[in-house]
Protein backbone atom coordinates (compact mmCIF):
# COMPACT_ATOMS: atom_id res chain seq x y z
CA UNK A 1 -33.12 -14.33 22.38
CA UNK A 2 -31.40 -12.62 25.28
CA UNK A 3 -27.87 -11.25 24.83
CA UNK A 4 -26.38 -14.32 26.54
CA UNK A 5 -28.38 -16.66 24.30
CA UNK A 6 -27.21 -14.80 21.18
CA UNK A 7 -23.60 -15.18 22.27
CA UNK A 8 -24.14 -18.90 22.78
CA UNK A 9 -25.95 -19.18 19.44
CA UNK A 10 -23.02 -17.56 17.57
CA UNK A 11 -20.27 -19.75 19.10
CA UNK A 12 -20.33 -22.45 16.36
CA UNK A 13 -20.36 -19.77 13.64
CA UNK A 14 -17.35 -18.03 15.17
CA UNK A 15 -15.47 -21.31 15.44
CA UNK A 16 -16.47 -22.33 11.92
CA UNK A 17 -15.23 -19.07 10.41
CA UNK A 18 -11.88 -19.38 12.19
CA UNK A 19 -11.45 -22.99 11.04
CA UNK A 20 -12.33 -22.19 7.42
CA UNK A 21 -9.95 -19.22 7.33
CA UNK A 22 -7.12 -21.41 8.62
CA UNK A 23 -7.88 -24.18 6.11
CA UNK A 24 -7.93 -21.96 3.04
CA UNK A 25 -4.94 -19.89 4.12
CA UNK A 26 -3.13 -23.21 4.53
CA UNK A 27 -3.96 -24.07 0.91
CA UNK A 28 -2.28 -20.85 -0.19
CA UNK A 29 0.80 -21.62 1.92
CA UNK A 30 0.92 -25.14 0.47
CA UNK A 31 1.07 -23.77 -3.09
CA UNK A 32 3.80 -21.30 -2.11
CA UNK A 33 5.91 -23.96 -0.36
CA UNK A 34 5.83 -25.99 -3.57
CA UNK A 35 6.76 -22.85 -5.54
CA UNK A 36 3.47 -23.12 -7.40
CA UNK A 37 1.12 -20.27 -8.27
CA UNK A 38 -1.79 -20.04 -5.82
CA UNK A 39 -5.27 -19.16 -7.12
CA UNK A 40 -5.99 -17.85 -3.60
CA UNK A 41 -4.55 -14.38 -2.98
CA UNK A 42 -5.94 -13.90 0.52
CA UNK A 43 -8.82 -14.97 2.76
CA UNK A 44 -11.04 -13.06 5.17
CA UNK A 45 -14.03 -14.09 7.25
CA UNK A 46 -16.68 -12.67 9.55
CA UNK A 47 -19.74 -13.56 11.60
CA UNK A 48 -22.74 -11.26 11.15
CA UNK A 49 -23.42 -8.79 13.94
CA UNK A 50 -26.55 -9.50 15.96
CA UNK A 51 -28.10 -6.24 14.71
CA UNK A 52 -27.50 -7.30 11.07
CA UNK A 53 -29.03 -10.74 11.72
CA UNK A 54 -32.15 -9.17 13.24
CA UNK A 55 -32.44 -6.61 10.43
CA UNK A 56 -32.21 -9.31 7.74
CA UNK A 57 -34.63 -11.61 9.59
CA UNK A 58 -37.15 -8.77 9.78
CA UNK A 59 -36.64 -7.84 6.12
CA UNK A 60 -37.20 -11.37 4.82
CA UNK A 61 -39.72 -12.50 7.43
CA UNK A 62 -37.48 -15.19 8.94
CA UNK A 63 -38.74 -16.37 12.38
CA UNK A 64 -36.06 -16.15 15.05
CA UNK A 65 -36.34 -19.86 15.79
CA UNK A 66 -35.64 -20.65 12.11
CA UNK A 67 -32.63 -18.38 11.61
CA UNK A 68 -30.04 -21.16 11.74
CA UNK A 69 -31.89 -23.04 8.98
CA UNK A 70 -32.97 -20.16 6.72
CA UNK A 71 -30.21 -17.54 7.03
CA UNK A 72 -27.27 -18.76 5.00
CA UNK A 73 -24.68 -16.02 5.52
CA UNK A 74 -24.35 -15.68 9.29
CA UNK A 75 -20.88 -17.14 8.73
CA UNK A 76 -19.12 -15.61 5.73
CA UNK A 77 -15.79 -16.43 4.11
CA UNK A 78 -14.39 -14.25 1.34
CA UNK A 79 -11.65 -15.56 -0.94
CA UNK A 80 -9.86 -13.03 -3.15
CA UNK A 81 -8.13 -14.00 -6.39
CA UNK A 82 -5.73 -12.10 -8.63
CA UNK A 83 -7.31 -13.20 -11.91
CA UNK A 84 -10.81 -14.06 -13.12
CA UNK A 85 -9.89 -17.61 -14.14
CA UNK A 86 -8.56 -18.26 -10.62
CA UNK A 87 -12.16 -18.13 -9.39
CA UNK A 88 -13.05 -21.36 -11.22
CA UNK A 89 -10.01 -23.05 -9.67
CA UNK A 90 -11.05 -22.03 -6.15
CA UNK A 91 -14.65 -23.16 -6.80
CA UNK A 92 -13.34 -26.58 -7.87
CA UNK A 93 -11.13 -26.76 -4.77
CA UNK A 94 -14.23 -26.28 -2.62
CA UNK A 95 -16.27 -28.78 -4.64
CA UNK A 96 -13.60 -31.44 -4.10
CA UNK A 97 -13.41 -31.05 -0.32
CA UNK A 98 -14.74 -33.82 1.91
CA UNK A 99 -15.12 -31.70 5.06
CA UNK A 100 -18.11 -29.67 3.85
CA UNK A 101 -21.24 -30.12 1.78
CA UNK A 102 -22.28 -27.69 -0.95
CA UNK A 103 -25.95 -26.68 -0.67
CA UNK A 104 -26.06 -24.54 -3.82
CA UNK A 105 -24.05 -22.07 -5.89
CA UNK A 106 -24.79 -18.64 -7.39
CA UNK A 107 -22.68 -17.36 -10.27
CA UNK A 108 -22.92 -13.57 -10.28
CA UNK A 109 -20.02 -13.35 -12.72
CA UNK A 110 -21.77 -15.08 -15.60
CA UNK A 111 -25.08 -13.62 -14.37
CA UNK A 112 -24.16 -10.09 -13.31
CA UNK A 113 -26.57 -8.31 -10.98
CA UNK A 114 -28.29 -5.18 -12.32
CA UNK A 115 -26.16 -3.10 -9.97
CA UNK A 116 -22.98 -4.42 -11.62
CA UNK A 117 -22.13 -6.72 -8.69
CA UNK A 118 -19.92 -9.66 -9.64
CA UNK A 119 -18.88 -12.53 -7.39
CA UNK A 120 -19.23 -16.31 -7.12
CA UNK A 121 -21.23 -17.48 -4.11
CA UNK A 122 -21.32 -20.97 -2.58
CA UNK A 123 -23.53 -21.94 0.34
CA UNK A 124 -22.17 -24.86 2.34
CA UNK A 125 -22.99 -26.97 5.36
CA UNK A 126 -19.99 -27.24 7.66
CA UNK A 127 -19.66 -29.47 10.76
CA UNK A 128 -18.25 -27.80 13.87
CA UNK A 129 -17.04 -29.84 16.84
CA UNK A 130 -17.79 -28.07 20.10
CA UNK A 131 -17.26 -29.13 23.71
CA UNK A 132 -20.94 -30.08 23.83
CA UNK A 133 -20.70 -32.14 20.64
CA UNK A 134 -20.90 -31.73 16.87
CA UNK A 135 -23.23 -29.23 15.22
CA UNK A 136 -23.68 -28.14 11.61
CA UNK A 137 -23.79 -24.58 10.37
CA UNK A 138 -24.56 -22.89 7.07
CA UNK A 139 -21.81 -20.66 5.70
CA UNK A 140 -21.37 -18.58 2.58
CA UNK A 141 -18.25 -18.39 0.42
CA UNK A 142 -17.80 -15.30 -1.75
CA UNK A 143 -15.07 -15.79 -4.34
CA UNK A 144 -14.03 -12.75 -6.38
CA UNK A 145 -11.11 -10.82 -7.83
CA UNK A 146 -9.43 -7.94 -6.04
CA UNK A 147 -11.11 -5.49 -8.45
CA UNK A 148 -14.55 -7.03 -7.82
CA UNK A 149 -13.93 -6.85 -4.07
CA UNK A 150 -12.95 -3.17 -4.21
CA UNK A 151 -16.17 -2.35 -6.09
CA UNK A 152 -18.34 -4.47 -3.76
CA UNK A 153 -16.83 -2.78 -0.69
CA UNK A 154 -17.66 0.66 -2.09
CA UNK A 155 -21.21 -0.40 -2.97
CA UNK A 156 -21.70 -1.84 0.53
CA UNK A 157 -20.63 1.48 2.10
CA UNK A 158 -23.01 3.46 -0.13
CA UNK A 159 -25.89 1.08 0.63
CA UNK A 160 -25.22 1.62 4.32
CA UNK A 161 -25.22 5.41 3.87
CA UNK A 162 -28.36 5.53 1.73
CA UNK A 163 -30.16 2.62 3.49
CA UNK A 164 -30.23 0.59 0.24
CA UNK A 165 -31.81 3.50 -1.67
CA UNK A 166 -28.78 4.81 -3.58
CA UNK A 167 -29.66 7.79 -5.83
CA UNK A 168 -29.99 6.87 -9.50
CA UNK A 169 -27.10 9.05 -10.69
CA UNK A 170 -24.77 7.28 -8.21
CA UNK A 171 -26.14 3.87 -9.21
CA UNK A 172 -25.33 4.65 -12.84
CA UNK A 173 -21.80 5.67 -11.96
CA UNK A 174 -21.42 2.51 -9.86
CA UNK A 175 -22.60 0.35 -12.75
CA UNK A 176 -20.09 2.02 -15.08
CA UNK A 177 -17.35 1.51 -12.48
CA UNK A 178 -18.26 -2.18 -12.15
CA UNK A 179 -17.98 -2.65 -15.92
CA UNK A 180 -14.65 -0.81 -15.95
CA UNK A 181 -13.35 -3.00 -13.10
CA UNK A 182 -14.30 -6.13 -15.03
CA UNK A 183 -12.57 -4.80 -18.15
CA UNK A 184 -9.47 -4.32 -16.01
CA UNK A 185 -9.76 -7.94 -14.84
CA UNK A 186 -9.99 -9.12 -18.45
CA UNK A 187 -7.00 -7.03 -19.52
CA UNK A 188 -4.93 -8.31 -16.62
CA UNK A 189 -5.85 -11.86 -17.63
CA UNK A 190 -4.27 -11.22 -21.05
CA UNK A 191 -0.89 -10.57 -19.41
CA UNK A 192 -1.32 -13.12 -16.61
CA UNK A 193 1.74 -15.16 -17.60
CA UNK A 194 3.97 -12.07 -17.58
CA UNK A 195 2.65 -11.06 -14.16
CA UNK A 196 3.11 -14.56 -12.74
CA UNK A 197 6.70 -14.70 -14.06
CA UNK A 198 7.47 -11.34 -12.47
CA UNK A 199 5.95 -12.40 -9.14
CA UNK A 200 7.81 -15.71 -9.21
CA UNK A 201 11.11 -13.91 -9.89
CA UNK A 202 10.45 -11.53 -7.02
CA UNK A 203 9.68 -14.43 -4.69
CA UNK A 204 12.82 -16.35 -5.70
CA UNK A 205 14.97 -13.26 -5.10
CA UNK A 206 13.26 -12.60 -1.76
CA UNK A 207 14.00 -16.14 -0.59
CA UNK A 208 17.63 -15.90 -1.68
CA UNK A 209 18.08 -12.58 0.11
CA UNK A 210 16.47 -14.00 3.25
CA UNK A 211 18.80 -17.03 3.23
CA UNK A 212 21.87 -14.85 2.64
CA UNK A 213 20.90 -12.56 5.53
CA UNK A 214 20.45 -15.58 7.81
CA UNK A 215 23.97 -16.73 6.94
CA UNK A 216 25.38 -13.24 7.55
CA UNK A 217 23.68 -13.14 10.95
CA UNK A 218 25.09 -16.58 11.71
CA UNK A 219 28.61 -15.36 10.90
CA UNK A 220 28.09 -12.36 13.19
CA UNK A 221 26.97 -14.65 16.01
CA UNK A 222 30.12 -16.74 15.46
CA UNK A 223 32.21 -13.59 15.91
CA UNK A 224 33.29 -13.44 12.23
CA UNK A 225 32.43 -9.75 11.92
CA UNK A 226 34.82 -9.00 9.04
CA UNK A 227 33.34 -11.75 6.87
CA UNK A 228 29.81 -10.69 7.82
CA UNK A 229 30.52 -7.05 6.93
CA UNK A 230 32.07 -8.05 3.60
CA UNK A 231 29.10 -10.20 2.60
CA UNK A 232 26.68 -7.53 3.78
CA UNK A 233 28.34 -5.01 1.46
CA UNK A 234 28.17 -7.44 -1.47
CA UNK A 235 24.51 -8.10 -0.79
CA UNK A 236 23.80 -4.37 -0.63
CA UNK A 237 25.17 -3.95 -4.16
CA UNK A 238 23.01 -6.81 -5.48
CA UNK A 239 19.75 -5.88 -3.78
CA UNK A 240 18.41 -3.58 -6.50
CA UNK A 241 19.91 -4.86 -9.75
CA UNK A 242 21.43 -8.23 -8.91
CA UNK A 243 20.37 -11.21 -11.01
CA UNK A 244 19.22 -14.53 -9.56
CA UNK A 245 22.46 -16.28 -10.51
CA UNK A 246 24.51 -13.59 -8.69
CA UNK A 247 22.42 -13.91 -5.55
CA UNK A 248 22.65 -17.71 -5.77
CA UNK A 249 26.43 -17.43 -6.03
CA UNK A 250 26.56 -15.16 -2.98
CA UNK A 251 24.35 -17.58 -1.04
CA UNK A 252 26.70 -20.47 -1.83
CA UNK A 253 29.69 -18.37 -0.72
CA UNK A 254 28.08 -17.38 2.58
CA UNK A 255 26.98 -20.96 3.23
CA UNK A 256 30.48 -22.26 2.54
CA UNK A 257 31.92 -19.76 5.02
CA UNK A 258 29.33 -20.62 7.66
CA UNK A 259 30.08 -24.33 7.21
CA UNK A 260 33.80 -23.70 7.51
CA UNK A 261 33.54 -21.75 10.78
CA UNK A 262 30.62 -23.71 12.20
CA UNK A 263 32.19 -27.15 11.85
């Protein structure tokens, strides 16, 4: 393919990746708006570079006119989770969707690669609506914990440096690091409820502080600078050690004052 043809060929993959990122980031926002814990921590996506597509096609003997049917990871979406058991929840979210079709799944968590690589892969067919009409692409989901992702990123960099021929002593250290990362995941899972409670408390406090600051800014805009300064000083004292009930009380006070002057 010429450069122009490659650019045209990649258009549906680029659009598909952007759509999928938006959809799964929206799921995370939906959980947060309902004050529920989200199994999705964050989402990234990419379309393979042309050089990487050609390299893989050459390595696996894929004819250029069959790439769209035989290369499954031109479009890639990576979903990171805080805890190992979140991965199953994300997998089920994908299985239940009506806007994509699962082709097959690979569980590299239950079936760890010899290198130590762990992740859950799902190959899907995804319809993309272009100006010229609808087309279908293959895309790969990689679902993993933050610890698994850190390890996989390091391994990818080393494979790039050593052209997939990493020295044995480094491979051994990598394998040990992968096992240690998974042990960390398992230990974090044991205190998951404590971590979730702490994160929820932080989020509640953050929302209260944000609402109080909005009210203080509103008072300033109404010209009530003395009230605004007084509330700002009270908030400053509560920022580090204030309890939720104290912040809630301050929010009610600021709201009452805003209502009084704004009416």
